[in-house]
Amino acid sequence: MLLALAAGFGFGEAVVSSSTSALVADLSELKTLGAGMGMQGTITDIGHASGPLLAGLLIAHLSYQEAFAAIAVIPLVAAGIFWIVVKR
């Protein structure tokens, strides 16, 4: 079961990271392409580093279920803000 979940996570990470890089490349001008890619990489790395730290702190003070719910709210709020701000 754990192997299947890890494979699913790896597949999702591959899809998201490649599509995010393509989106940054499409939206950046040629002269700012390097800065855009660097910013995207930095934000991704900050998320990878802070996620386990935040989860550990929440689990230490809450139950696993409450910590999972709290962490699930973050991307939902971000998606809502994105939906409101970006109007195409």
Protein backbone atom coordinates (compact mmCIF):
# COMPACT_ATOMS: atom_id res chain seq x y z
CA MET A 1 0.00 0.00 0.00
CA LEU A 2 2.77 2.43 0.92
CA LEU A 3 4.58 1.68 -2.34
CA ALA A 4 1.44 2.42 -4.34
CA LEU A 5 0.92 5.70 -2.49
CA ALA A 6 4.56 6.68 -3.03
CA ALA A 7 4.24 5.90 -6.74
CA GLY A 8 1.10 8.02 -6.95
CA PHE A 9 2.81 10.88 -5.14
CA GLY A 10 5.81 10.64 -7.46
CA PHE A 11 3.58 10.70 -10.53
CA GLY A 12 1.70 13.72 -9.22
CA GLU A 13 4.92 15.54 -8.37
CA ALA A 14 6.27 14.88 -11.87
CA VAL A 15 3.11 16.19 -13.52
CA VAL A 16 2.93 19.30 -11.34
CA SER A 17 6.62 20.22 -11.53
CA SER A 18 6.81 19.89 -15.31
CA SER A 19 3.57 21.76 -15.93
CA THR A 20 4.57 24.53 -13.51
CA SER A 21 7.89 25.02 -15.28
CA ALA A 22 6.10 25.14 -18.64
CA LEU A 23 3.64 27.71 -17.29
CA VAL A 24 6.47 29.91 -15.98
CA ALA A 25 8.24 29.64 -19.34
CA ASP A 26 5.07 30.62 -21.22
CA LEU A 27 4.30 33.60 -18.98
CA SER A 28 7.84 34.99 -18.72
CA GLU A 29 9.49 37.31 -21.18
CA LEU A 30 12.77 36.09 -22.62
CA LYS A 31 14.85 38.58 -20.61
CA THR A 32 13.22 37.51 -17.32
CA LEU A 33 12.94 33.79 -18.04
CA GLY A 34 15.90 32.87 -15.81
CA ALA A 35 14.56 34.94 -12.93
CA GLY A 36 11.12 33.40 -13.32
CA MET A 37 12.47 29.86 -13.33
CA GLY A 38 14.68 30.65 -10.34
CA MET A 39 11.75 32.11 -8.42
CA GLN A 40 9.59 29.08 -9.20
CA GLY A 41 12.35 26.73 -8.06
CA THR A 42 12.90 28.71 -4.87
CA ILE A 43 9.21 28.73 -3.99
CA THR A 44 9.00 24.98 -4.64
CA ASP A 45 12.04 24.32 -2.46
CA ILE A 46 10.64 26.48 0.36
CA GLY A 47 7.43 24.45 0.21
CA HIS A 48 9.32 21.15 0.29
CA ALA A 49 11.36 22.32 3.28
CA SER A 50 8.60 23.97 5.28
CA GLY A 51 5.88 21.36 4.68
CA PRO A 52 7.32 18.61 6.89
CA LEU A 53 8.28 21.18 9.54
CA LEU A 54 4.76 22.61 9.62
CA ALA A 55 3.22 19.13 9.66
CA GLY A 56 5.46 18.05 12.53
CA LEU A 57 4.56 21.12 14.58
CA LEU A 58 0.86 20.63 13.95
CA ILE A 59 0.97 16.92 14.77
CA ALA A 60 2.83 17.69 18.00
CA HIS A 61 -0.02 19.97 19.10
CA LEU A 62 -3.03 18.40 17.36
CA SER A 63 -4.11 14.96 16.24
CA TYR A 64 -3.14 13.57 12.83
CA GLN A 65 -6.63 14.19 11.52
CA GLU A 66 -6.70 17.81 12.70
CA ALA A 67 -3.21 18.46 11.31
CA PHE A 68 -4.19 16.94 7.95
CA ALA A 69 -7.33 19.08 7.83
CA ALA A 70 -5.38 22.22 8.73
CA ILE A 71 -2.80 21.57 6.02
CA ALA A 72 -5.54 20.77 3.47
CA VAL A 73 -7.07 24.22 4.03
CA ILE A 74 -3.95 26.02 2.75
CA PRO A 75 -4.19 24.94 -0.92
CA LEU A 76 -7.97 25.34 -0.86
CA VAL A 77 -7.63 28.95 0.28
CA ALA A 78 -4.85 29.53 -2.27
CA ALA A 79 -7.05 28.09 -5.03
CA GLY A 80 -9.90 30.37 -3.99
CA ILE A 81 -7.65 33.43 -4.04
CA PHE A 82 -6.29 32.39 -7.43
CA TRP A 83 -9.81 31.91 -8.77
CA ILE A 84 -10.79 35.42 -7.63
CA VAL A 85 -7.62 37.23 -8.72
CA VAL A 86 -7.01 35.58 -12.10
CA LYS A 87 -9.92 36.25 -14.39
CA ARG A 88 -9.54 35.02 -17.94
